[in-house]
Amino acid sequence: MENKRRRVPALAPEERREALIAATIPLLHEHGVDVSTRQIAQAAGVAEGTIFGVFETKSSLVVCSVIKGLDPQPTVDALAAIDPALPLRDRMAQAADLVHGRFAENAQLMTAARALIIGQRDGNTALQLADNRSRLHAAITGVIAADGAQLRRTPAAVASLLLLFCGANTYGPFGDPDNFSGEETASLLLDGLLIRRGTH
């Protein structure tokens, strides 16, 4: 009889830990914190008991997976790669597209993170998420900083507004991500909403 469970080779404890986290992240996107250890074991191709040989509880695995899944480094790297020679408007549009994409992709993970923080009073997760926000904010500030003299607010304040709008547009009850491209977001932040006669 064919064994339907995908078997994986024996791994060192740290490798097993990383493999379980990698298997759990997509399940958190789909199921949130209600994912079961059985689902995780099947996705990882291991026996369910293997999980508890590496993690003390399902909750500890979920916490580690949420933190890993929400690591902003790929977005931070992409923001750093934006061509600094581009006009400010174009740089901000690219930054807004990257942030919108990150928020949309991780919406379920953010919900899971909030559930962990509120339901389990997980201060460590709260601190990690605060650090993630700081890193993302610093990266966006870096995209804007060279043209700070053109702005009524500091580059850091403009970065906060960009994050605020992208977050509300992704998670808020009045959000409409499909109708707000990065270009539109940059225009809202730089030009406001008034039509100025004689300008484009």
N, C-alpha and C. Protein backbone atom coordinates (compact mmCIF):
# COMPACT_ATOMS: atom_id res chain seq x y z
N MET A 1 0.85 -1.19 0.00
CA MET A 1 0.00 0.00 0.00
C MET A 1 0.89 1.24 0.00
N GLU A 2 0.55 2.17 -0.84
CA GLU A 2 1.34 3.40 -0.94
C GLU A 2 1.15 4.26 0.31
N ASN A 3 2.23 4.72 0.86
CA ASN A 3 2.17 5.62 2.00
C ASN A 3 1.94 7.03 1.47
N LYS A 4 0.80 7.63 1.81
CA LYS A 4 0.43 8.93 1.26
C LYS A 4 1.18 10.08 1.91
N ARG A 5 1.72 9.84 3.10
CA ARG A 5 2.40 10.94 3.77
C ARG A 5 3.81 11.08 3.21
N ARG A 6 4.15 12.29 2.86
CA ARG A 6 5.47 12.58 2.30
C ARG A 6 6.51 12.47 3.40
N ARG A 7 7.41 11.54 3.24
CA ARG A 7 8.47 11.34 4.23
C ARG A 7 9.63 12.27 3.94
N VAL A 8 10.24 12.78 4.96
CA VAL A 8 11.42 13.62 4.80
C VAL A 8 12.57 12.98 5.55
N PRO A 9 13.80 13.24 5.10
CA PRO A 9 14.95 12.62 5.77
C PRO A 9 15.12 13.17 7.18
N ALA A 10 15.85 12.38 7.98
CA ALA A 10 16.11 12.81 9.36
C ALA A 10 16.90 14.11 9.34
N LEU A 11 16.53 15.00 10.24
CA LEU A 11 17.17 16.31 10.30
C LEU A 11 17.70 16.56 11.70
N ALA A 12 18.70 17.42 11.77
CA ALA A 12 19.18 17.88 13.07
C ALA A 12 18.07 18.71 13.71
N PRO A 13 18.05 18.83 15.05
CA PRO A 13 16.96 19.55 15.72
C PRO A 13 16.69 20.95 15.18
N GLU A 14 17.74 21.73 14.92
CA GLU A 14 17.53 23.09 14.41
C GLU A 14 16.96 23.08 13.00
N GLU A 15 17.41 22.13 12.19
CA GLU A 15 16.86 22.01 10.83
C GLU A 15 15.40 21.57 10.90
N ARG A 16 15.10 20.64 11.80
CA ARG A 16 13.72 20.18 11.98
C ARG A 16 12.84 21.34 12.43
N ARG A 17 13.35 22.15 13.33
CA ARG A 17 12.62 23.31 13.82
C ARG A 17 12.28 24.25 12.66
N GLU A 18 13.27 24.55 11.84
CA GLU A 18 13.04 25.45 10.70
C GLU A 18 12.08 24.84 9.69
N ALA A 19 12.18 23.52 9.48
CA ALA A 19 11.29 22.84 8.54
C ALA A 19 9.84 22.89 9.03
N LEU A 20 9.63 22.72 10.33
CA LEU A 20 8.28 22.79 10.89
C LEU A 20 7.71 24.20 10.79
N ILE A 21 8.54 25.19 11.05
CA ILE A 21 8.10 26.58 10.92
C ILE A 21 7.71 26.87 9.47
N ALA A 22 8.56 26.42 8.53
CA ALA A 22 8.28 26.64 7.11
C ALA A 22 6.98 25.97 6.68
N ALA A 23 6.69 24.81 7.24
CA ALA A 23 5.44 24.11 6.91
C ALA A 23 4.23 24.77 7.56
N THR A 24 4.44 25.42 8.69
CA THR A 24 3.33 26.01 9.44
C THR A 24 2.89 27.36 8.86
N ILE A 25 3.81 28.13 8.34
CA ILE A 25 3.47 29.48 7.87
C ILE A 25 2.35 29.47 6.83
N PRO A 26 2.41 28.65 5.76
CA PRO A 26 1.31 28.65 4.79
C PRO A 26 -0.03 28.24 5.42
N LEU A 27 0.03 27.35 6.41
CA LEU A 27 -1.20 26.91 7.08
C LEU A 27 -1.79 28.04 7.91
N LEU A 28 -0.95 28.87 8.49
CA LEU A 28 -1.45 30.03 9.25
C LEU A 28 -2.12 31.03 8.31
N HIS A 29 -1.59 31.18 7.11
CA HIS A 29 -2.24 32.05 6.12
C HIS A 29 -3.65 31.54 5.82
N GLU A 30 -3.80 30.23 5.80
CA GLU A 30 -5.08 29.62 5.42
C GLU A 30 -6.03 29.47 6.60
N HIS A 31 -5.52 29.04 7.76
CA HIS A 31 -6.38 28.67 8.88
C HIS A 31 -6.26 29.58 10.09
N GLY A 32 -5.25 30.45 10.11
CA GLY A 32 -5.02 31.24 11.31
C GLY A 32 -4.51 30.37 12.44
N VAL A 33 -4.70 30.82 13.68
CA VAL A 33 -4.17 30.08 14.83
C VAL A 33 -4.94 28.80 15.11
N ASP A 34 -6.01 28.56 14.39
CA ASP A 34 -6.78 27.33 14.58
C ASP A 34 -6.16 26.14 13.86
N VAL A 35 -5.05 26.34 13.17
CA VAL A 35 -4.38 25.22 12.50
C VAL A 35 -4.08 24.13 13.53
N SER A 36 -4.21 22.88 13.11
CA SER A 36 -3.99 21.76 14.04
C SER A 36 -2.59 21.19 13.86
N THR A 37 -2.12 20.50 14.90
CA THR A 37 -0.82 19.85 14.79
C THR A 37 -0.86 18.72 13.76
N ARG A 38 -2.02 18.15 13.57
CA ARG A 38 -2.14 17.11 12.54
C ARG A 38 -1.91 17.70 11.16
N GLN A 39 -2.50 18.87 10.90
CA GLN A 39 -2.29 19.54 9.61
C GLN A 39 -0.82 19.91 9.42
N ILE A 40 -0.20 20.39 10.48
CA ILE A 40 1.21 20.77 10.40
C ILE A 40 2.06 19.54 10.11
N ALA A 41 1.81 18.46 10.83
CA ALA A 41 2.59 17.23 10.63
C ALA A 41 2.45 16.73 9.20
N GLN A 42 1.22 16.74 8.67
CA GLN A 42 1.01 16.28 7.29
C GLN A 42 1.76 17.16 6.30
N ALA A 43 1.71 18.47 6.52
CA ALA A 43 2.40 19.40 5.61
C ALA A 43 3.91 19.21 5.68
N ALA A 44 4.41 18.90 6.86
CA ALA A 44 5.86 18.74 7.05
C ALA A 44 6.33 17.33 6.72
N GLY A 45 5.40 16.40 6.56
CA GLY A 45 5.77 15.02 6.25
C GLY A 45 6.38 14.28 7.41
N VAL A 46 5.88 14.58 8.63
CA VAL A 46 6.41 13.91 9.83
C VAL A 46 5.25 13.38 10.66
N ALA A 47 5.60 12.56 11.64
CA ALA A 47 4.59 12.11 12.60
C ALA A 47 4.22 13.27 13.52
N GLU A 48 3.00 13.28 13.99
CA GLU A 48 2.53 14.40 14.82
C GLU A 48 3.39 14.56 16.07
N GLY A 49 3.84 13.45 16.63
CA GLY A 49 4.65 13.51 17.84
C GLY A 49 6.00 14.17 17.62
N THR A 50 6.46 14.19 16.37
CA THR A 50 7.75 14.82 16.07
C THR A 50 7.74 16.30 16.43
N ILE A 51 6.58 16.93 16.27
CA ILE A 51 6.47 18.36 16.58
C ILE A 51 6.87 18.61 18.03
N PHE A 52 6.41 17.75 18.92
CA PHE A 52 6.64 17.98 20.35
C PHE A 52 8.03 17.52 20.80
N GLY A 53 8.78 16.95 19.87
CA GLY A 53 10.18 16.68 20.14
C GLY A 53 11.04 17.92 19.91
N VAL A 54 10.44 18.92 19.25
CA VAL A 54 11.17 20.15 18.91
C VAL A 54 10.58 21.36 19.62
N PHE A 55 9.25 21.40 19.72
CA PHE A 55 8.55 22.50 20.38
C PHE A 55 7.78 21.95 21.58
N GLU A 56 7.79 22.70 22.66
CA GLU A 56 7.10 22.24 23.87
C GLU A 56 5.61 22.16 23.65
N THR A 57 5.05 23.12 22.93
CA THR A 57 3.61 23.17 22.70
C THR A 57 3.33 23.60 21.27
N LYS A 58 2.10 23.36 20.84
CA LYS A 58 1.67 23.89 19.54
C LYS A 58 1.77 25.40 19.54
N SER A 59 1.42 26.03 20.66
CA SER A 59 1.43 27.48 20.74
C SER A 59 2.83 28.03 20.48
N SER A 60 3.86 27.39 21.02
CA SER A 60 5.22 27.89 20.81
C SER A 60 5.62 27.79 19.34
N LEU A 61 5.17 26.74 18.65
CA LEU A 61 5.43 26.61 17.21
C LEU A 61 4.70 27.71 16.45
N VAL A 62 3.44 27.94 16.81
CA VAL A 62 2.65 28.98 16.12
C VAL A 62 3.29 30.35 16.31
N VAL A 63 3.71 30.65 17.53
CA VAL A 63 4.34 31.95 17.80
C VAL A 63 5.59 32.12 16.94
N CYS A 64 6.46 31.12 16.93
CA CYS A 64 7.68 31.20 16.13
C CYS A 64 7.37 31.35 14.64
N SER A 65 6.32 30.68 14.19
CA SER A 65 5.95 30.74 12.78
C SER A 65 5.37 32.09 12.41
N VAL A 66 4.56 32.66 13.30
CA VAL A 66 4.01 34.00 13.05
C VAL A 66 5.13 35.02 12.95
N ILE A 67 6.07 34.96 13.89
CA ILE A 67 7.18 35.92 13.89
C ILE A 67 8.03 35.76 12.63
N LYS A 68 8.31 34.52 12.26
CA LYS A 68 9.09 34.27 11.04
C LYS A 68 8.33 34.73 9.80
N GLY A 69 7.05 34.42 9.75
CA GLY A 69 6.25 34.79 8.59
C GLY A 69 6.10 36.29 8.41
N LEU A 70 6.15 37.03 9.51
CA LEU A 70 5.98 38.47 9.45
C LEU A 70 7.32 39.22 9.42
N ASP A 71 8.42 38.49 9.28
CA ASP A 71 9.72 39.15 9.18
C ASP A 71 9.71 40.12 7.99
N PRO A 72 9.95 41.41 8.22
CA PRO A 72 9.85 42.39 7.13
C PRO A 72 11.08 42.45 6.24
N GLN A 73 12.10 41.63 6.50
CA GLN A 73 13.36 41.80 5.79
C GLN A 73 13.22 41.76 4.27
N PRO A 74 12.43 40.84 3.67
CA PRO A 74 12.30 40.88 2.21
C PRO A 74 11.75 42.22 1.70
N THR A 75 10.78 42.79 2.42
CA THR A 75 10.25 44.09 2.01
C THR A 75 11.26 45.19 2.26
N VAL A 76 11.97 45.12 3.38
CA VAL A 76 13.02 46.10 3.67
C VAL A 76 14.09 46.07 2.57
N ASP A 77 14.48 44.89 2.13
CA ASP A 77 15.48 44.76 1.06
C ASP A 77 14.95 45.34 -0.25
N ALA A 78 13.68 45.07 -0.54
CA ALA A 78 13.08 45.59 -1.78
C ALA A 78 13.00 47.12 -1.74
N LEU A 79 12.68 47.68 -0.59
CA LEU A 79 12.65 49.14 -0.45
C LEU A 79 14.04 49.73 -0.64
N ALA A 80 15.04 49.06 -0.10
CA ALA A 80 16.42 49.54 -0.24
C ALA A 80 16.89 49.49 -1.69
N ALA A 81 16.28 48.61 -2.49
CA ALA A 81 16.67 48.44 -3.89
C ALA A 81 16.01 49.46 -4.82
N ILE A 82 15.07 50.26 -4.31
CA ILE A 82 14.45 51.29 -5.15
C ILE A 82 15.52 52.29 -5.59
N ASP A 83 15.54 52.59 -6.87
CA ASP A 83 16.57 53.46 -7.44
C ASP A 83 16.49 54.86 -6.83
N PRO A 84 17.52 55.29 -6.10
CA PRO A 84 17.47 56.62 -5.48
C PRO A 84 17.51 57.76 -6.48
N ALA A 85 17.85 57.46 -7.74
CA ALA A 85 17.89 58.50 -8.77
C ALA A 85 16.50 58.82 -9.32
N LEU A 86 15.52 57.99 -9.02
CA LEU A 86 14.16 58.24 -9.50
C LEU A 86 13.58 59.47 -8.80
N PRO A 87 12.62 60.15 -9.43
CA PRO A 87 11.93 61.24 -8.74
C PRO A 87 11.23 60.73 -7.48
N LEU A 88 11.04 61.62 -6.52
CA LEU A 88 10.39 61.26 -5.26
C LEU A 88 9.05 60.58 -5.49
N ARG A 89 8.24 61.12 -6.39
CA ARG A 89 6.91 60.56 -6.64
C ARG A 89 7.00 59.10 -7.06
N ASP A 90 7.93 58.80 -7.95
CA ASP A 90 8.08 57.42 -8.42
C ASP A 90 8.59 56.51 -7.31
N ARG A 91 9.51 57.01 -6.50
CA ARG A 91 10.02 56.20 -5.39
C ARG A 91 8.91 55.90 -4.39
N MET A 92 8.11 56.91 -4.09
CA MET A 92 7.01 56.70 -3.13
C MET A 92 5.96 55.75 -3.69
N ALA A 93 5.71 55.83 -4.99
CA ALA A 93 4.74 54.91 -5.61
C ALA A 93 5.23 53.47 -5.49
N GLN A 94 6.51 53.26 -5.76
CA GLN A 94 7.06 51.91 -5.63
C GLN A 94 7.01 51.44 -4.18
N ALA A 95 7.34 52.33 -3.25
CA ALA A 95 7.29 51.97 -1.84
C ALA A 95 5.87 51.60 -1.42
N ALA A 96 4.89 52.38 -1.87
CA ALA A 96 3.49 52.11 -1.51
C ALA A 96 3.04 50.77 -2.08
N ASP A 97 3.45 50.44 -3.30
CA ASP A 97 3.10 49.14 -3.89
C ASP A 97 3.70 48.00 -3.06
N LEU A 98 4.94 48.16 -2.64
CA LEU A 98 5.59 47.12 -1.83
C LEU A 98 4.89 46.94 -0.49
N VAL A 99 4.54 48.04 0.15
CA VAL A 99 3.89 47.97 1.46
C VAL A 99 2.48 47.39 1.33
N HIS A 100 1.72 47.86 0.33
CA HIS A 100 0.39 47.29 0.10
C HIS A 100 0.49 45.78 -0.13
N GLY A 101 1.45 45.37 -0.95
CA GLY A 101 1.61 43.95 -1.24
C GLY A 101 1.93 43.15 0.00
N ARG A 102 2.82 43.70 0.85
CA ARG A 102 3.17 43.00 2.09
C ARG A 102 1.96 42.86 3.00
N PHE A 103 1.22 43.96 3.17
CA PHE A 103 0.06 43.92 4.06
C PHE A 103 -1.00 42.95 3.55
N ALA A 104 -1.26 42.98 2.25
CA ALA A 104 -2.29 42.10 1.68
C ALA A 104 -1.89 40.63 1.83
N GLU A 105 -0.62 40.34 1.57
CA GLU A 105 -0.15 38.96 1.65
C GLU A 105 -0.21 38.42 3.07
N ASN A 106 0.02 39.30 4.04
CA ASN A 106 0.14 38.85 5.43
C ASN A 106 -1.08 39.17 6.29
N ALA A 107 -2.21 39.47 5.67
CA ALA A 107 -3.40 39.86 6.44
C ALA A 107 -3.79 38.79 7.46
N GLN A 108 -3.80 37.53 7.04
CA GLN A 108 -4.19 36.45 7.95
C GLN A 108 -3.17 36.26 9.07
N LEU A 109 -1.89 36.43 8.72
CA LEU A 109 -0.86 36.31 9.74
C LEU A 109 -0.97 37.42 10.78
N MET A 110 -1.30 38.62 10.33
CA MET A 110 -1.48 39.73 11.27
C MET A 110 -2.64 39.45 12.21
N THR A 111 -3.71 38.88 11.66
CA THR A 111 -4.85 38.50 12.49
C THR A 111 -4.42 37.46 13.53
N ALA A 112 -3.60 36.50 13.10
CA ALA A 112 -3.10 35.48 14.02
C ALA A 112 -2.23 36.11 15.10
N ALA A 113 -1.39 37.07 14.70
CA ALA A 113 -0.52 37.73 15.67
C ALA A 113 -1.33 38.48 16.71
N ARG A 114 -2.35 39.17 16.27
CA ARG A 114 -3.20 39.90 17.22
C ARG A 114 -3.89 38.94 18.18
N ALA A 115 -4.34 37.80 17.64
CA ALA A 115 -4.99 36.80 18.50
C ALA A 115 -4.03 36.29 19.56
N LEU A 116 -2.79 36.09 19.18
CA LEU A 116 -1.79 35.62 20.15
C LEU A 116 -1.54 36.66 21.22
N ILE A 117 -1.39 37.91 20.80
CA ILE A 117 -1.07 38.97 21.75
C ILE A 117 -2.22 39.19 22.72
N ILE A 118 -3.45 39.24 22.18
CA ILE A 118 -4.62 39.51 23.03
C ILE A 118 -5.01 38.28 23.85
N GLY A 119 -5.10 37.13 23.16
CA GLY A 119 -5.59 35.93 23.83
C GLY A 119 -4.61 35.35 24.84
N GLN A 120 -3.32 35.42 24.52
CA GLN A 120 -2.33 34.80 25.39
C GLN A 120 -1.46 35.82 26.12
N ARG A 121 -1.76 37.11 25.89
CA ARG A 121 -0.96 38.18 26.50
C ARG A 121 0.52 37.95 26.22
N ASP A 122 0.80 37.71 24.95
CA ASP A 122 2.16 37.37 24.53
C ASP A 122 2.97 38.64 24.30
N GLY A 123 3.69 39.05 25.33
CA GLY A 123 4.48 40.27 25.24
C GLY A 123 5.64 40.15 24.28
N ASN A 124 6.22 38.96 24.16
CA ASN A 124 7.36 38.78 23.25
C ASN A 124 6.94 39.00 21.80
N THR A 125 5.78 38.46 21.42
CA THR A 125 5.28 38.68 20.07
C THR A 125 5.00 40.15 19.83
N ALA A 126 4.43 40.82 20.82
CA ALA A 126 4.16 42.26 20.70
C ALA A 126 5.45 43.04 20.47
N LEU A 127 6.50 42.70 21.21
CA LEU A 127 7.79 43.38 21.04
C LEU A 127 8.38 43.11 19.67
N GLN A 128 8.25 41.88 19.19
CA GLN A 128 8.79 41.53 17.88
C GLN A 128 8.06 42.29 16.78
N LEU A 129 6.75 42.39 16.90
CA LEU A 129 5.97 43.12 15.90
C LEU A 129 6.31 44.60 15.93
N ALA A 130 6.56 45.14 17.11
CA ALA A 130 6.96 46.55 17.21
C ALA A 130 8.30 46.76 16.52
N ASP A 131 9.22 45.83 16.69
CA ASP A 131 10.51 45.92 16.02
C ASP A 131 10.34 45.83 14.51
N ASN A 132 9.45 44.94 14.05
CA ASN A 132 9.16 44.83 12.61
C ASN A 132 8.67 46.16 12.06
N ARG A 133 7.75 46.80 12.80
CA ARG A 133 7.22 48.08 12.34
C ARG A 133 8.32 49.13 12.26
N SER A 134 9.21 49.13 13.24
CA SER A 134 10.30 50.10 13.26
C SER A 134 11.22 49.91 12.06
N ARG A 135 11.54 48.66 11.75
CA ARG A 135 12.41 48.38 10.60
C ARG A 135 11.77 48.79 9.29
N LEU A 136 10.48 48.51 9.16
CA LEU A 136 9.77 48.88 7.93
C LEU A 136 9.68 50.40 7.81
N HIS A 137 9.37 51.06 8.92
CA HIS A 137 9.27 52.52 8.93
C HIS A 137 10.60 53.15 8.56
N ALA A 138 11.70 52.63 9.10
CA ALA A 138 13.01 53.17 8.79
C ALA A 138 13.35 53.00 7.32
N ALA A 139 12.96 51.86 6.74
CA ALA A 139 13.26 51.62 5.33
C ALA A 139 12.49 52.59 4.43
N ILE A 140 11.21 52.85 4.76
CA ILE A 140 10.42 53.80 3.96
C ILE A 140 10.97 55.22 4.14
N THR A 141 11.35 55.56 5.35
CA THR A 141 11.95 56.88 5.60
C THR A 141 13.19 57.05 4.73
N GLY A 142 13.97 55.98 4.59
CA GLY A 142 15.16 56.03 3.76
C GLY A 142 14.85 56.28 2.30
N VAL A 143 13.73 55.77 1.82
CA VAL A 143 13.32 56.00 0.43
C VAL A 143 13.01 57.48 0.20
N ILE A 144 12.47 58.14 1.21
CA ILE A 144 11.98 59.52 1.09
C ILE A 144 13.04 60.56 1.46
N ALA A 145 13.98 60.18 2.31
CA ALA A 145 14.84 61.14 3.02
C ALA A 145 15.55 62.15 2.13
N ALA A 146 16.03 61.73 0.96
CA ALA A 146 16.82 62.64 0.12
C ALA A 146 16.04 63.86 -0.33
N ASP A 147 14.73 63.76 -0.34
CA ASP A 147 13.89 64.88 -0.80
C ASP A 147 13.10 65.51 0.33
N GLY A 148 13.61 65.38 1.55
CA GLY A 148 12.91 65.92 2.70
C GLY A 148 12.66 67.42 2.61
N ALA A 149 13.53 68.15 1.94
CA ALA A 149 13.38 69.61 1.84
C ALA A 149 12.16 70.01 1.03
N GLN A 150 11.62 69.08 0.22
CA GLN A 150 10.44 69.38 -0.59
C GLN A 150 9.13 69.20 0.18
N LEU A 151 9.19 68.64 1.37
CA LEU A 151 7.99 68.21 2.07
C LEU A 151 7.68 69.09 3.27
N ARG A 152 6.38 69.26 3.54
CA ARG A 152 5.95 70.04 4.71
C ARG A 152 6.15 69.28 6.00
N ARG A 153 6.20 67.97 5.92
CA ARG A 153 6.45 67.12 7.09
C ARG A 153 7.78 66.42 6.91
N THR A 154 8.34 65.93 8.00
CA THR A 154 9.62 65.22 7.92
C THR A 154 9.46 63.92 7.15
N PRO A 155 10.56 63.40 6.56
CA PRO A 155 10.47 62.10 5.89
C PRO A 155 9.90 61.00 6.80
N ALA A 156 10.26 61.02 8.08
CA ALA A 156 9.73 60.01 9.01
C ALA A 156 8.22 60.14 9.16
N ALA A 157 7.73 61.38 9.22
CA ALA A 157 6.28 61.60 9.34
C ALA A 157 5.56 61.16 8.07
N VAL A 158 6.16 61.44 6.92
CA VAL A 158 5.55 61.02 5.65
C VAL A 158 5.54 59.49 5.56
N ALA A 159 6.62 58.86 6.02
CA ALA A 159 6.65 57.40 6.04
C ALA A 159 5.53 56.85 6.93
N SER A 160 5.29 57.49 8.06
CA SER A 160 4.21 57.06 8.95
C SER A 160 2.85 57.19 8.27
N LEU A 161 2.66 58.28 7.53
CA LEU A 161 1.39 58.47 6.83
C LEU A 161 1.21 57.42 5.74
N LEU A 162 2.28 57.09 5.05
CA LEU A 162 2.19 56.06 4.01
C LEU A 162 1.79 54.72 4.63
N LEU A 163 2.44 54.36 5.74
CA LEU A 163 2.10 53.12 6.43
C LEU A 163 0.67 53.15 6.95
N LEU A 164 0.27 54.29 7.49
CA LEU A 164 -1.08 54.43 8.02
C LEU A 164 -2.12 54.22 6.93
N PHE A 165 -1.91 54.86 5.78
CA PHE A 165 -2.88 54.71 4.70
C PHE A 165 -2.90 53.28 4.17
N CYS A 166 -1.72 52.71 3.93
CA CYS A 166 -1.67 51.34 3.40
C CYS A 166 -2.29 50.35 4.37
N GLY A 167 -2.03 50.55 5.67
CA GLY A 167 -2.62 49.65 6.67
C GLY A 167 -4.12 49.77 6.72
N ALA A 168 -4.63 51.01 6.75
CA ALA A 168 -6.08 51.21 6.80
C ALA A 168 -6.74 50.71 5.52
N ASN A 169 -6.05 50.88 4.39
CA ASN A 169 -6.62 50.45 3.12
C ASN A 169 -6.66 48.93 3.00
N THR A 170 -5.76 48.26 3.71
CA THR A 170 -5.74 46.80 3.68
C THR A 170 -6.66 46.19 4.73
N TYR A 171 -6.61 46.72 5.95
CA TYR A 171 -7.30 46.10 7.06
C TYR A 171 -8.58 46.81 7.48
N GLY A 172 -8.72 48.07 7.13
CA GLY A 172 -9.85 48.85 7.63
C GLY A 172 -11.16 48.53 6.94
N PRO A 173 -12.27 48.87 7.57
CA PRO A 173 -13.59 48.56 6.99
C PRO A 173 -13.90 49.32 5.72
N PHE A 174 -13.19 50.43 5.47
CA PHE A 174 -13.44 51.21 4.27
C PHE A 174 -12.32 51.05 3.24
N GLY A 175 -11.46 50.10 3.46
CA GLY A 175 -10.34 49.89 2.55
C GLY A 175 -10.78 49.38 1.19
N ASP A 176 -10.02 49.72 0.16
CA ASP A 176 -10.31 49.28 -1.20
C ASP A 176 -8.99 49.18 -1.96
N PRO A 177 -8.17 48.18 -1.63
CA PRO A 177 -6.83 48.08 -2.21
C PRO A 177 -6.81 48.04 -3.72
N ASP A 178 -7.85 47.47 -4.35
CA ASP A 178 -7.86 47.36 -5.81
C ASP A 178 -7.92 48.72 -6.49
N ASN A 179 -8.43 49.73 -5.79
CA ASN A 179 -8.58 51.05 -6.41
C ASN A 179 -7.53 52.05 -5.96
N PHE A 180 -6.52 51.60 -5.23
CA PHE A 180 -5.46 52.50 -4.80
C PHE A 180 -4.11 51.89 -5.14
N SER A 181 -3.61 52.23 -6.31
CA SER A 181 -2.28 51.78 -6.71
C SER A 181 -1.23 52.57 -5.93
N GLY A 182 0.01 52.16 -6.06
CA GLY A 182 1.08 52.92 -5.45
C GLY A 182 1.14 54.34 -5.98
N GLU A 183 0.88 54.49 -7.27
CA GLU A 183 0.89 55.82 -7.88
C GLU A 183 -0.20 56.70 -7.28
N GLU A 184 -1.39 56.13 -7.08
CA GLU A 184 -2.49 56.89 -6.50
C GLU A 184 -2.19 57.25 -5.04
N THR A 185 -1.61 56.32 -4.32
CA THR A 185 -1.26 56.58 -2.92
C THR A 185 -0.23 57.70 -2.83
N ALA A 186 0.79 57.64 -3.68
CA ALA A 186 1.80 58.71 -3.69
C ALA A 186 1.16 60.05 -4.02
N SER A 187 0.22 60.06 -4.96
CA SER A 187 -0.45 61.30 -5.33
C SER A 187 -1.26 61.86 -4.16
N LEU A 188 -1.97 60.98 -3.44
CA LEU A 188 -2.75 61.44 -2.29
C LEU A 188 -1.85 62.09 -1.24
N LEU A 189 -0.69 61.48 -1.00
CA LEU A 189 0.21 61.99 0.02
C LEU A 189 0.91 63.27 -0.42
N LEU A 190 1.29 63.34 -1.67
CA LEU A 190 2.06 64.48 -2.15
C LEU A 190 1.20 65.64 -2.62
N ASP A 191 0.04 65.34 -3.20
CA ASP A 191 -0.79 66.39 -3.81
C ASP A 191 -2.05 66.69 -3.03
N GLY A 192 -2.49 65.80 -2.14
CA GLY A 192 -3.78 65.98 -1.50
C GLY A 192 -4.90 65.66 -2.48
N LEU A 193 -6.07 66.17 -2.19
CA LEU A 193 -7.25 65.84 -2.99
C LEU A 193 -7.81 67.02 -3.79
N LEU A 194 -7.31 68.21 -3.56
CA LEU A 194 -7.81 69.36 -4.31
C LEU A 194 -7.29 69.36 -5.74
N ILE A 195 -8.18 69.67 -6.68
CA ILE A 195 -7.77 69.85 -8.07
C ILE A 195 -7.24 71.29 -8.19
N ARG A 196 -6.01 71.40 -8.62
CA ARG A 196 -5.40 72.73 -8.79
C ARG A 196 -5.47 73.13 -10.24
N ARG A 197 -6.17 74.16 -10.53
CA ARG A 197 -6.36 74.61 -11.91
C ARG A 197 -5.02 74.98 -12.53
N GLY A 198 -4.86 74.55 -13.77
CA GLY A 198 -3.62 74.90 -14.46
C GLY A 198 -2.49 73.94 -14.18
N THR A 199 -2.77 72.87 -13.39
CA THR A 199 -1.74 71.85 -13.12
C THR A 199 -2.26 70.52 -13.56
N HIS A 200 -1.37 69.55 -13.65
CA HIS A 200 -1.74 68.20 -14.07
C HIS A 200 -1.58 67.25 -12.90
